[in-house]
């Protein structure tokens, strides 16, 4: 086993604390989000070991991450879209598409009002 890189651990700790600070004081702290989440993910990803080929690695992660997300995202977005159609009394596929795109981009309005 290789030696632990302490400075990577401290980068992850810094990223976690900045994410918490960003969530505690959301208005006006958009600058925290610009580097806190990427800092955490990059420092965590630096430690991953990929022993498979890139194709096998991608297939495993697709089956493990993307398929379950779609399994839950599509029915939830359909339910919210139907509720929007009932509330606004207008039938439009655009409601579903906009809601799904906002969920994919991580907008907070995806599961709330549009």
PDB file of N, CA and C in Angstrom:
ATOM      1  N   UNK A   1       0.845  -1.189   0.000  1.00  0.00           N
ATOM      2  CA  UNK A   1       0.000   0.000   0.000  1.00  0.00           C
ATOM      3  C   UNK A   1       0.886   1.247   0.000  1.00  0.00           C
ATOM      4  N   UNK A   2       0.503   2.239  -0.764  1.00  0.00           N
ATOM      5  CA  UNK A   2       1.311   3.447  -0.866  1.00  0.00           C
ATOM      6  C   UNK A   2       1.079   4.352   0.347  1.00  0.00           C
ATOM      7  N   UNK A   3       1.999   5.264   0.537  1.00  0.00           N
ATOM      8  CA  UNK A   3       1.937   6.184   1.674  1.00  0.00           C
ATOM      9  C   UNK A   3       0.814   7.203   1.468  1.00  0.00           C
ATOM     10  N   UNK A   4       0.143   7.540   2.533  1.00  0.00           N
ATOM     11  CA  UNK A   4      -0.970   8.489   2.489  1.00  0.00           C
ATOM     12  C   UNK A   4      -0.456   9.909   2.254  1.00  0.00           C
ATOM     13  N   UNK A   5      -1.116  10.635   1.385  1.00  0.00           N
ATOM     14  CA  UNK A   5      -0.743  12.021   1.091  1.00  0.00           C
ATOM     15  C   UNK A   5      -1.584  12.947   1.970  1.00  0.00           C
ATOM     16  N   UNK A   6      -0.988  13.448   3.015  1.00  0.00           N
ATOM     17  CA  UNK A   6      -1.705  14.263   3.998  1.00  0.00           C
ATOM     18  C   UNK A   6      -2.230  15.560   3.376  1.00  0.00           C
ATOM     19  N   UNK A   7      -1.479  16.151   2.469  1.00  0.00           N
ATOM     20  CA  UNK A   7      -1.923  17.412   1.889  1.00  0.00           C
ATOM     21  C   UNK A   7      -3.201  17.238   1.082  1.00  0.00           C
ATOM     22  N   UNK A   8      -3.411  16.071   0.495  1.00  0.00           N
ATOM     23  CA  UNK A   8      -4.676  15.796  -0.211  1.00  0.00           C
ATOM     24  C   UNK A   8      -5.824  15.734   0.799  1.00  0.00           C
ATOM     25  N   UNK A   9      -5.587  15.096   1.938  1.00  0.00           N
ATOM     26  CA  UNK A   9      -6.612  15.045   2.983  1.00  0.00           C
ATOM     27  C   UNK A   9      -6.994  16.452   3.439  1.00  0.00           C
ATOM     28  N   UNK A  10      -6.006  17.315   3.592  1.00  0.00           N
ATOM     29  CA  UNK A  10      -6.298  18.684   4.028  1.00  0.00           C
ATOM     30  C   UNK A  10      -7.049  19.474   2.950  1.00  0.00           C
ATOM     31  N   UNK A  11      -6.767  19.202   1.682  1.00  0.00           N
ATOM     32  CA  UNK A  11      -7.537  19.844   0.611  1.00  0.00           C
ATOM     33  C   UNK A  11      -9.001  19.408   0.657  1.00  0.00           C
ATOM     34  N   UNK A  12      -9.216  18.107   0.916  1.00  0.00           N
ATOM     35  CA  UNK A  12     -10.593  17.604   1.025  1.00  0.00           C
ATOM     36  C   UNK A  12     -11.298  18.236   2.225  1.00  0.00           C
ATOM     37  N   UNK A  13     -10.600  18.351   3.356  1.00  0.00           N
ATOM     38  CA  UNK A  13     -11.183  18.983   4.546  1.00  0.00           C
ATOM     39  C   UNK A  13     -11.548  20.436   4.243  1.00  0.00           C
ATOM     40  N   UNK A  14     -10.646  21.159   3.595  1.00  0.00           N
ATOM     41  CA  UNK A  14     -10.920  22.555   3.232  1.00  0.00           C
ATOM     42  C   UNK A  14     -12.137  22.640   2.308  1.00  0.00           C
ATOM     43  N   UNK A  15     -12.197  21.755   1.323  1.00  0.00           N
ATOM     44  CA  UNK A  15     -13.351  21.738   0.420  1.00  0.00           C
ATOM     45  C   UNK A  15     -14.643  21.466   1.160  1.00  0.00           C
ATOM     46  N   UNK A  16     -14.640  20.509   2.095  1.00  0.00           N
ATOM     47  CA  UNK A  16     -15.854  20.192   2.863  1.00  0.00           C
ATOM     48  C   UNK A  16     -16.304  21.374   3.706  1.00  0.00           C
ATOM     49  N   UNK A  17     -15.358  22.018   4.395  1.00  0.00           N
ATOM     50  CA  UNK A  17     -15.721  23.168   5.225  1.00  0.00           C
ATOM     51  C   UNK A  17     -16.276  24.317   4.379  1.00  0.00           C
ATOM     52  N   UNK A  18     -15.683  24.554   3.230  1.00  0.00           N
ATOM     53  CA  UNK A  18     -16.184  25.621   2.370  1.00  0.00           C
ATOM     54  C   UNK A  18     -17.579  25.312   1.833  1.00  0.00           C
ATOM     55  N   UNK A  19     -17.856  24.042   1.552  1.00  0.00           N
ATOM     56  CA  UNK A  19     -19.195  23.656   1.111  1.00  0.00           C
ATOM     57  C   UNK A  19     -20.203  23.910   2.217  1.00  0.00           C
ATOM     58  N   UNK A  20     -19.849  23.555   3.453  1.00  0.00           N
ATOM     59  CA  UNK A  20     -20.740  23.796   4.593  1.00  0.00           C
ATOM     60  C   UNK A  20     -20.970  25.288   4.778  1.00  0.00           C
ATOM     61  N   UNK A  21     -19.913  26.090   4.686  1.00  0.00           N
ATOM     62  CA  UNK A  21     -20.058  27.546   4.817  1.00  0.00           C
ATOM     63  C   UNK A  21     -20.962  28.094   3.722  1.00  0.00           C
ATOM     64  N   UNK A  22     -20.818  27.589   2.514  1.00  0.00           N
ATOM     65  CA  UNK A  22     -21.672  28.033   1.414  1.00  0.00           C
ATOM     66  C   UNK A  22     -23.132  27.712   1.649  1.00  0.00           C
ATOM     67  N   UNK A  23     -23.405  26.571   2.284  1.00  0.00           N
ATOM     68  CA  UNK A  23     -24.788  26.206   2.571  1.00  0.00           C
ATOM     69  C   UNK A  23     -25.345  26.955   3.785  1.00  0.00           C
ATOM     70  N   UNK A  24     -24.485  27.341   4.695  1.00  0.00           N
ATOM     71  CA  UNK A  24     -24.959  28.052   5.878  1.00  0.00           C
ATOM     72  C   UNK A  24     -25.345  29.486   5.556  1.00  0.00           C
ATOM     73  N   UNK A  25     -24.633  30.115   4.652  1.00  0.00           N
ATOM     74  CA  UNK A  25     -24.868  31.512   4.291  1.00  0.00           C
ATOM     75  C   UNK A  25     -25.037  31.640   2.784  1.00  0.00           C
ATOM     76  N   UNK A  26     -26.146  31.088   2.218  1.00  0.00           N
ATOM     77  CA  UNK A  26     -26.260  31.033   0.761  1.00  0.00           C
ATOM     78  C   UNK A  26     -26.329  32.370   0.034  1.00  0.00           C
ATOM     79  N   UNK A  27     -27.098  33.366   0.491  1.00  0.00           N
ATOM     80  CA  UNK A  27     -27.154  34.589  -0.320  1.00  0.00           C
ATOM     81  C   UNK A  27     -25.820  35.341  -0.265  1.00  0.00           C
ATOM     82  N   UNK A  28     -25.264  35.613  -1.416  1.00  0.00           N
ATOM     83  CA  UNK A  28     -24.026  36.377  -1.483  1.00  0.00           C
ATOM     84  C   UNK A  28     -22.770  35.539  -1.399  1.00  0.00           C
ATOM     85  N   UNK A  29     -22.881  34.239  -1.213  1.00  0.00           N
ATOM     86  CA  UNK A  29     -21.693  33.395  -1.115  1.00  0.00           C
ATOM     87  C   UNK A  29     -21.500  32.540  -2.356  1.00  0.00           C
ATOM     88  N   UNK A  30     -21.901  33.034  -3.500  1.00  0.00           N
ATOM     89  CA  UNK A  30     -21.752  32.268  -4.728  1.00  0.00           C
ATOM     90  C   UNK A  30     -20.286  32.014  -5.054  1.00  0.00           C
ATOM     91  N   UNK A  31     -19.408  32.900  -4.606  1.00  0.00           N
ATOM     92  CA  UNK A  31     -17.983  32.718  -4.893  1.00  0.00           C
ATOM     93  C   UNK A  31     -17.437  31.458  -4.243  1.00  0.00           C
ATOM     94  N   UNK A  32     -18.035  31.028  -3.136  1.00  0.00           N
ATOM     95  CA  UNK A  32     -17.583  29.805  -2.458  1.00  0.00           C
ATOM     96  C   UNK A  32     -17.847  28.590  -3.333  1.00  0.00           C
ATOM     97  N   UNK A  33     -18.983  28.577  -4.024  1.00  0.00           N
ATOM     98  CA  UNK A  33     -19.333  27.434  -4.855  1.00  0.00           C
ATOM     99  C   UNK A  33     -18.427  27.291  -6.074  1.00  0.00           C
ATOM    100  N   UNK A  34     -17.821  28.367  -6.503  1.00  0.00           N
ATOM    101  CA  UNK A  34     -16.985  28.328  -7.698  1.00  0.00           C
ATOM    102  C   UNK A  34     -15.792  27.394  -7.498  1.00  0.00           C
ATOM    103  N   UNK A  35     -15.248  27.340  -6.294  1.00  0.00           N
ATOM    104  CA  UNK A  35     -14.061  26.504  -6.104  1.00  0.00           C
ATOM    105  C   UNK A  35     -14.194  25.450  -5.023  1.00  0.00           C
ATOM    106  N   UNK A  36     -15.199  25.517  -4.138  1.00  0.00           N
ATOM    107  CA  UNK A  36     -15.267  24.551  -3.038  1.00  0.00           C
ATOM    108  C   UNK A  36     -15.634  23.149  -3.509  1.00  0.00           C
ATOM    109  N   UNK A  37     -16.680  23.028  -4.303  1.00  0.00           N
ATOM    110  CA  UNK A  37     -17.094  21.711  -4.780  1.00  0.00           C
ATOM    111  C   UNK A  37     -16.058  21.133  -5.754  1.00  0.00           C
ATOM    112  N   UNK A  38     -15.569  21.906  -6.742  1.00  0.00           N
ATOM    113  CA  UNK A  38     -14.514  21.343  -7.593  1.00  0.00           C
ATOM    114  C   UNK A  38     -13.256  20.946  -6.807  1.00  0.00           C
ATOM    115  N   UNK A  39     -12.889  21.738  -5.798  1.00  0.00           N
ATOM    116  CA  UNK A  39     -11.734  21.399  -4.974  1.00  0.00           C
ATOM    117  C   UNK A  39     -11.933  20.061  -4.282  1.00  0.00           C
ATOM    118  N   UNK A  40     -13.114  19.860  -3.713  1.00  0.00           N
ATOM    119  CA  UNK A  40     -13.395  18.597  -3.030  1.00  0.00           C
ATOM    120  C   UNK A  40     -13.394  17.423  -4.002  1.00  0.00           C
ATOM    121  N   UNK A  41     -14.073  17.561  -5.133  1.00  0.00           N
ATOM    122  CA  UNK A  41     -14.164  16.446  -6.073  1.00  0.00           C
ATOM    123  C   UNK A  41     -12.823  16.132  -6.738  1.00  0.00           C
ATOM    124  N   UNK A  42     -12.065  17.144  -7.089  1.00  0.00           N
ATOM    125  CA  UNK A  42     -10.771  16.896  -7.716  1.00  0.00           C
ATOM    126  C   UNK A  42      -9.815  16.234  -6.730  1.00  0.00           C
ATOM    127  N   UNK A  43      -9.802  16.727  -5.483  1.00  0.00           N
ATOM    128  CA  UNK A  43      -8.908  16.110  -4.497  1.00  0.00           C
ATOM    129  C   UNK A  43      -9.348  14.688  -4.163  1.00  0.00           C
ATOM    130  N   UNK A  44     -10.642  14.415  -4.161  1.00  0.00           N
ATOM    131  CA  UNK A  44     -11.105  13.046  -3.926  1.00  0.00           C
ATOM    132  C   UNK A  44     -10.811  12.160  -5.128  1.00  0.00           C
ATOM    133  N   UNK A  45     -11.007  12.678  -6.316  1.00  0.00           N
ATOM    134  CA  UNK A  45     -10.750  11.913  -7.524  1.00  0.00           C
ATOM    135  C   UNK A  45      -9.273  11.622  -7.739  1.00  0.00           C
ATOM    136  N   UNK A  46      -8.419  12.455  -7.172  1.00  0.00           N
ATOM    137  CA  UNK A  46      -6.983  12.249  -7.277  1.00  0.00           C
ATOM    138  C   UNK A  46      -6.568  10.930  -6.629  1.00  0.00           C
ATOM    139  N   UNK A  47      -7.341  10.480  -5.655  1.00  0.00           N
ATOM    140  CA  UNK A  47      -7.003   9.277  -4.909  1.00  0.00           C
ATOM    141  C   UNK A  47      -7.645   8.005  -5.464  1.00  0.00           C
ATOM    142  N   UNK A  48      -8.485   8.126  -6.480  1.00  0.00           N
ATOM    143  CA  UNK A  48      -9.135   6.930  -7.018  1.00  0.00           C
ATOM    144  C   UNK A  48      -8.140   6.111  -7.824  1.00  0.00           C
ATOM    145  N   UNK A  49      -8.328   4.817  -7.784  1.00  0.00           N
ATOM    146  CA  UNK A  49      -7.473   3.916  -8.553  1.00  0.00           C
ATOM    147  C   UNK A  49      -8.331   3.239  -9.604  1.00  0.00           C
ATOM    148  N   UNK A  50      -7.889   3.319 -10.823  1.00  0.00           N
ATOM    149  CA  UNK A  50      -8.617   2.700 -11.915  1.00  0.00           C
ATOM    150  C   UNK A  50      -7.783   1.545 -12.443  1.00  0.00           C
ATOM    151  N   UNK A  51      -8.254   0.347 -12.165  1.00  0.00           N
ATOM    152  CA  UNK A  51      -7.516  -0.836 -12.591  1.00  0.00           C
ATOM    153  C   UNK A  51      -8.078  -1.419 -13.880  1.00  0.00           C
ATOM    154  N   UNK A  52      -9.281  -1.007 -14.280  1.00  0.00           N
ATOM    155  CA  UNK A  52      -9.904  -1.498 -15.499  1.00  0.00           C
ATOM    156  C   UNK A  52      -9.531  -0.604 -16.675  1.00  0.00           C
ATOM    157  N   UNK A  53      -9.926  -1.029 -17.849  1.00  0.00           N
ATOM    158  CA  UNK A  53      -9.771  -0.162 -19.005  1.00  0.00           C
ATOM    159  C   UNK A  53     -10.761   0.996 -18.872  1.00  0.00           C
ATOM    160  N   UNK A  54     -10.537   2.044 -19.627  1.00  0.00           N
ATOM    161  CA  UNK A  54     -11.422   3.210 -19.555  1.00  0.00           C
ATOM    162  C   UNK A  54     -12.848   2.837 -19.936  1.00  0.00           C
ATOM    163  N   UNK A  55     -12.989   1.963 -20.912  1.00  0.00           N
ATOM    164  CA  UNK A  55     -14.332   1.534 -21.348  1.00  0.00           C
ATOM    165  C   UNK A  55     -15.063   0.768 -20.242  1.00  0.00           C
ATOM    166  N   UNK A  56     -14.383  -0.189 -19.600  1.00  0.00           N
ATOM    167  CA  UNK A  56     -14.985  -0.963 -18.509  1.00  0.00           C
ATOM    168  C   UNK A  56     -15.307  -0.065 -17.325  1.00  0.00           C
ATOM    169  N   UNK A  57     -14.404   0.854 -17.014  1.00  0.00           N
ATOM    170  CA  UNK A  57     -14.618   1.816 -15.934  1.00  0.00           C
ATOM    171  C   UNK A  57     -15.877   2.649 -16.195  1.00  0.00           C
ATOM    172  N   UNK A  58     -16.037   3.126 -17.418  1.00  0.00           N
ATOM    173  CA  UNK A  58     -17.216   3.919 -17.782  1.00  0.00           C
ATOM    174  C   UNK A  58     -18.497   3.112 -17.732  1.00  0.00           C
ATOM    175  N   UNK A  59     -18.461   1.869 -18.202  1.00  0.00           N
ATOM    176  CA  UNK A  59     -19.650   1.018 -18.177  1.00  0.00           C
ATOM    177  C   UNK A  59     -20.081   0.707 -16.744  1.00  0.00           C
ATOM    178  N   UNK A  60     -19.128   0.415 -15.874  1.00  0.00           N
ATOM    179  CA  UNK A  60     -19.454   0.128 -14.470  1.00  0.00           C
ATOM    180  C   UNK A  60     -20.072   1.350 -13.803  1.00  0.00           C
ATOM    181  N   UNK A  61     -19.491   2.509 -14.024  1.00  0.00           N
ATOM    182  CA  UNK A  61     -20.009   3.720 -13.394  1.00  0.00           C
ATOM    183  C   UNK A  61     -21.350   4.136 -13.974  1.00  0.00           C
ATOM    184  N   UNK A  62     -21.558   3.900 -15.266  1.00  0.00           N
ATOM    185  CA  UNK A  62     -22.861   4.203 -15.858  1.00  0.00           C
ATOM    186  C   UNK A  62     -23.935   3.355 -15.195  1.00  0.00           C
ATOM    187  N   UNK A  63     -23.671   2.066 -15.072  1.00  0.00           N
ATOM    188  CA  UNK A  63     -24.656   1.168 -14.467  1.00  0.00           C
ATOM    189  C   UNK A  63     -24.851   1.474 -12.994  1.00  0.00           C
ATOM    190  N   UNK A  64     -23.821   1.926 -12.333  1.00  0.00           N
ATOM    191  CA  UNK A  64     -23.896   2.174 -10.900  1.00  0.00           C
ATOM    192  C   UNK A  64     -24.451   3.558 -10.556  1.00  0.00           C
ATOM    193  N   UNK A  65     -24.232   4.550 -11.403  1.00  0.00           N
ATOM    194  CA  UNK A  65     -24.605   5.930 -11.070  1.00  0.00           C
ATOM    195  C   UNK A  65     -25.718   6.509 -11.943  1.00  0.00           C
ATOM    196  N   UNK A  66     -25.597   6.372 -13.251  1.00  0.00           N
ATOM    197  CA  UNK A  66     -26.533   7.037 -14.163  1.00  0.00           C
ATOM    198  C   UNK A  66     -27.882   6.326 -14.202  1.00  0.00           C
ATOM    199  N   UNK A  67     -27.868   5.004 -14.321  1.00  0.00           N
ATOM    200  CA  UNK A  67     -29.142   4.281 -14.402  1.00  0.00           C
ATOM    201  C   UNK A  67     -30.022   4.473 -13.166  1.00  0.00           C
ATOM    202  N   UNK A  68     -29.495   4.355 -11.934  1.00  0.00           N
ATOM    203  CA  UNK A  68     -30.359   4.615 -10.768  1.00  0.00           C
ATOM    204  C   UNK A  68     -30.862   6.063 -10.711  1.00  0.00           C
ATOM    205  N   UNK A  69     -30.016   7.008 -11.124  1.00  0.00           N
ATOM    206  CA  UNK A  69     -30.453   8.402 -11.126  1.00  0.00           C
ATOM    207  C   UNK A  69     -31.623   8.606 -12.076  1.00  0.00           C
ATOM    208  N   UNK A  70     -31.536   8.024 -13.263  1.00  0.00           N
ATOM    209  CA  UNK A  70     -32.633   8.141 -14.231  1.00  0.00           C
ATOM    210  C   UNK A  70     -33.878   7.400 -13.758  1.00  0.00           C
ATOM    211  N   UNK A  71     -33.676   6.285 -13.070  1.00  0.00           N
ATOM    212  CA  UNK A  71     -34.796   5.511 -12.547  1.00  0.00           C
ATOM    213  C   UNK A  71     -35.651   6.351 -11.600  1.00  0.00           C
ATOM    214  N   UNK A  72     -35.035   7.230 -10.853  1.00  0.00           N
ATOM    215  CA  UNK A  72     -35.774   8.093  -9.930  1.00  0.00           C
ATOM    216  C   UNK A  72     -36.114   9.445 -10.529  1.00  0.00           C
ATOM    217  N   UNK A  73     -35.231   9.994 -11.354  1.00  0.00           N
ATOM    218  CA  UNK A  73     -35.438  11.338 -11.891  1.00  0.00           C
ATOM    219  C   UNK A  73     -36.647  11.416 -12.814  1.00  0.00           C
ATOM    220  N   UNK A  74     -36.786  10.486 -13.720  1.00  0.00           N
ATOM    221  CA  UNK A  74     -37.855  10.571 -14.714  1.00  0.00           C
ATOM    222  C   UNK A  74     -39.245  10.496 -14.081  1.00  0.00           C
ATOM    223  N   UNK A  75     -39.537   9.529 -13.192  1.00  0.00           N
ATOM    224  CA  UNK A  75     -40.879   9.528 -12.578  1.00  0.00           C
ATOM    225  C   UNK A  75     -41.155  10.772 -11.729  1.00  0.00           C
ATOM    226  N   UNK A  76     -40.151  11.230 -10.994  1.00  0.00           N
ATOM    227  CA  UNK A  76     -40.357  12.426 -10.164  1.00  0.00           C
ATOM    228  C   UNK A  76     -40.625  13.642 -11.040  1.00  0.00           C
ATOM    229  N   UNK A  77     -39.864  13.787 -12.119  1.00  0.00           N
ATOM    230  CA  UNK A  77     -40.076  14.919 -13.018  1.00  0.00           C
ATOM    231  C   UNK A  77     -41.436  14.831 -13.703  1.00  0.00           C
ATOM    232  N   UNK A  78     -41.890  13.629 -14.035  1.00  0.00           N
ATOM    233  CA  UNK A  78     -43.224  13.474 -14.624  1.00  0.00           C
ATOM    234  C   UNK A  78     -44.308  13.897 -13.636  1.00  0.00           C
ATOM    235  N   UNK A  79     -44.171  13.487 -12.387  1.00  0.00           N
ATOM    236  CA  UNK A  79     -45.163  13.864 -11.370  1.00  0.00           C
ATOM    237  C   UNK A  79     -45.209  15.375 -11.210  1.00  0.00           C
ATOM    238  N   UNK A  80     -44.037  16.012 -11.066  1.00  0.00           N
ATOM    239  CA  UNK A  80     -44.021  17.467 -10.918  1.00  0.00           C
ATOM    240  C   UNK A  80     -44.539  18.171 -12.169  1.00  0.00           C
ATOM    241  N   UNK A  81     -44.256  17.623 -13.334  1.00  0.00           N
ATOM    242  CA  UNK A  81     -44.751  18.232 -14.567  1.00  0.00           C
ATOM    243  C   UNK A  81     -46.266  18.136 -14.662  1.00  0.00           C
ATOM    244  N   UNK A  82     -46.829  16.988 -14.287  1.00  0.00           N
ATOM    245  CA  UNK A  82     -48.291  16.844 -14.281  1.00  0.00           C
ATOM    246  C   UNK A  82     -48.908  17.835 -13.305  1.00  0.00           C
ATOM    247  N   UNK A  83     -48.285  18.000 -12.133  1.00  0.00           N
ATOM    248  CA  UNK A  83     -48.796  18.984 -11.171  1.00  0.00           C
ATOM    249  C   UNK A  83     -48.709  20.405 -11.731  1.00  0.00           C
ATOM    250  N   UNK A  84     -47.648  20.708 -12.478  1.00  0.00           N
ATOM    251  CA  UNK A  84     -47.542  22.025 -13.126  1.00  0.00           C
ATOM    252  C   UNK A  84     -48.632  22.210 -14.173  1.00  0.00           C
ATOM    253  N   UNK A  85     -48.901  21.161 -14.948  1.00  0.00           N
ATOM    254  CA  UNK A  85     -49.936  21.245 -15.974  1.00  0.00           C
ATOM    255  C   UNK A  85     -51.302  21.472 -15.333  1.00  0.00           C
ATOM    256  N   UNK A  86     -51.575  20.779 -14.241  1.00  0.00           N
ATOM    257  CA  UNK A  86     -52.845  20.964 -13.527  1.00  0.00           C
ATOM    258  C   UNK A  86     -52.935  22.371 -12.961  1.00  0.00           C
ATOM    259  N   UNK A  87     -51.836  22.850 -12.376  1.00  0.00           N
ATOM    260  CA  UNK A  87     -51.836  24.170 -11.750  1.00  0.00           C
ATOM    261  C   UNK A  87     -51.978  25.293 -12.765  1.00  0.00           C
ATOM    262  N   UNK A  88     -51.290  25.188 -13.904  1.00  0.00           N
ATOM    263  CA  UNK A  88     -51.318  26.272 -14.891  1.00  0.00           C
ATOM    264  C   UNK A  88     -52.393  26.086 -15.951  1.00  0.00           C
ATOM    265  N   UNK A  89     -52.985  24.905 -15.999  1.00  0.00           N
ATOM    266  CA  UNK A  89     -54.039  24.588 -16.966  1.00  0.00           C
ATOM    267  C   UNK A  89     -53.560  24.756 -18.409  1.00  0.00           C
ATOM    268  N   UNK A  90     -52.296  24.368 -18.645  1.00  0.00           N
ATOM    269  CA  UNK A  90     -51.784  24.388 -20.017  1.00  0.00           C
ATOM    270  C   UNK A  90     -50.995  23.110 -20.255  1.00  0.00           C
ATOM    271  N   UNK A  91     -51.233  22.496 -21.398  1.00  0.00           N
ATOM    272  CA  UNK A  91     -50.577  21.243 -21.739  1.00  0.00           C
ATOM    273  C   UNK A  91     -49.389  21.539 -22.641  1.00  0.00           C
ATOM    274  N   UNK A  92     -48.186  21.261 -22.139  1.00  0.00           N
ATOM    275  CA  UNK A  92     -46.997  21.549 -22.914  1.00  0.00           C
ATOM    276  C   UNK A  92     -45.884  20.590 -22.500  1.00  0.00           C
ATOM    277  N   UNK A  93     -45.237  19.977 -23.493  1.00  0.00           N
ATOM    278  CA  UNK A  93     -44.107  19.103 -23.187  1.00  0.00           C
ATOM    279  C   UNK A  93     -42.924  19.926 -22.688  1.00  0.00           C
ATOM    280  N   UNK A  94     -42.948  21.216 -22.976  1.00  0.00           N
ATOM    281  CA  UNK A  94     -41.869  22.115 -22.582  1.00  0.00           C
ATOM    282  C   UNK A  94     -41.700  22.140 -21.055  1.00  0.00           C
ATOM    283  N   UNK A  95     -42.802  21.969 -20.335  1.00  0.00           N
ATOM    284  CA  UNK A  95     -42.743  21.966 -18.871  1.00  0.00           C
ATOM    285  C   UNK A  95     -41.848  20.827 -18.395  1.00  0.00           C
ATOM    286  N   UNK A  96     -42.040  19.628 -18.944  1.00  0.00           N
ATOM    287  CA  UNK A  96     -41.243  18.460 -18.551  1.00  0.00           C
ATOM    288  C   UNK A  96     -39.781  18.638 -18.944  1.00  0.00           C
ATOM    289  N   UNK A  97     -39.539  19.121 -20.146  1.00  0.00           N
ATOM    290  CA  UNK A  97     -38.168  19.293 -20.635  1.00  0.00           C
ATOM    291  C   UNK A  97     -37.425  20.320 -19.791  1.00  0.00           C
ATOM    292  N   UNK A  98     -38.059  21.464 -19.508  1.00  0.00           N
ATOM    293  CA  UNK A  98     -37.412  22.491 -18.688  1.00  0.00           C
ATOM    294  C   UNK A  98     -37.110  21.979 -17.287  1.00  0.00           C
ATOM    295  N   UNK A  99     -38.042  21.237 -16.701  1.00  0.00           N
ATOM    296  CA  UNK A  99     -37.845  20.715 -15.355  1.00  0.00           C
ATOM    297  C   UNK A  99     -36.706  19.695 -15.328  1.00  0.00           C
ATOM    298  N   UNK A 100     -36.636  18.820 -16.327  1.00  0.00           N
ATOM    299  CA  UNK A 100     -35.547  17.826 -16.388  1.00  0.00           C
ATOM    300  C   UNK A 100     -34.197  18.505 -16.605  1.00  0.00           C
ATOM    301  N   UNK A 101     -34.149  19.497 -17.481  1.00  0.00           N
ATOM    302  CA  UNK A 101     -32.889  20.204 -17.711  1.00  0.00           C
ATOM    303  C   UNK A 101     -32.435  20.943 -16.465  1.00  0.00           C
ATOM    304  N   UNK A 102     -33.367  21.543 -15.730  1.00  0.00           N
ATOM    305  CA  UNK A 102     -32.965  22.229 -14.506  1.00  0.00           C
ATOM    306  C   UNK A 102     -32.475  21.240 -13.460  1.00  0.00           C
ATOM    307  N   UNK A 103     -33.026  20.027 -13.434  1.00  0.00           N
ATOM    308  CA  UNK A 103     -32.536  19.004 -12.501  1.00  0.00           C
ATOM    309  C   UNK A 103     -31.141  18.536 -12.898  1.00  0.00           C
ATOM    310  N   UNK A 104     -30.901  18.366 -14.193  1.00  0.00           N
ATOM    311  CA  UNK A 104     -29.588  17.918 -14.660  1.00  0.00           C
ATOM    312  C   UNK A 104     -28.531  18.980 -14.355  1.00  0.00           C
ATOM    313  N   UNK A 105     -28.876  20.254 -14.522  1.00  0.00           N
ATOM    314  CA  UNK A 105     -27.918  21.324 -14.263  1.00  0.00           C
ATOM    315  C   UNK A 105     -27.813  21.654 -12.791  1.00  0.00           C
ATOM    316  N   UNK A 106     -28.631  21.018 -11.944  1.00  0.00           N
ATOM    317  CA  UNK A 106     -28.513  21.209 -10.510  1.00  0.00           C
ATOM    318  C   UNK A 106     -29.206  22.444  -9.970  1.00  0.00           C
ATOM    319  N   UNK A 107     -30.168  22.951 -10.694  1.00  0.00           N
ATOM    320  CA  UNK A 107     -30.891  24.123 -10.214  1.00  0.00           C
ATOM    321  C   UNK A 107     -31.826  23.724  -9.075  1.00  0.00           C
ATOM    322  N   UNK A 108     -31.958  24.585  -8.109  1.00  0.00           N
ATOM    323  CA  UNK A 108     -32.778  24.267  -6.941  1.00  0.00           C
ATOM    324  C   UNK A 108     -34.251  24.301  -7.244  1.00  0.00           C
ATOM    325  N   UNK A 109     -34.659  24.859  -8.361  1.00  0.00           N
ATOM    326  CA  UNK A 109     -36.081  24.930  -8.694  1.00  0.00           C
ATOM    327  C   UNK A 109     -36.591  23.671  -9.355  1.00  0.00           C
ATOM    328  N   UNK A 110     -35.724  22.676  -9.566  1.00  0.00           N
ATOM    329  CA  UNK A 110     -36.139  21.468 -10.288  1.00  0.00           C
ATOM    330  C   UNK A 110     -37.243  20.726  -9.552  1.00  0.00           C
ATOM    331  N   UNK A 111     -37.178  20.680  -8.253  1.00  0.00           N
ATOM    332  CA  UNK A 111     -38.200  19.976  -7.486  1.00  0.00           C
ATOM    333  C   UNK A 111     -39.111  20.926  -6.736  1.00  0.00           C
ATOM    334  N   UNK A 112     -39.160  22.151  -7.167  1.00  0.00           N
ATOM    335  CA  UNK A 112     -40.063  23.138  -6.575  1.00  0.00           C
ATOM    336  C   UNK A 112     -40.869  23.809  -7.650  1.00  0.00           C
ATOM    337  N   UNK A 113     -41.286  25.012  -7.416  1.00  0.00           N
ATOM    338  CA  UNK A 113     -42.053  25.745  -8.409  1.00  0.00           C
ATOM    339  C   UNK A 113     -41.171  26.255  -9.524  1.00  0.00           C
ATOM    340  N   UNK A 114     -41.747  26.416 -10.693  1.00  0.00           N
ATOM    341  CA  UNK A 114     -40.969  26.913 -11.832  1.00  0.00           C
ATOM    342  C   UNK A 114     -41.185  28.362 -12.025  1.00  0.00           C
TER     343      UNK A 114
END
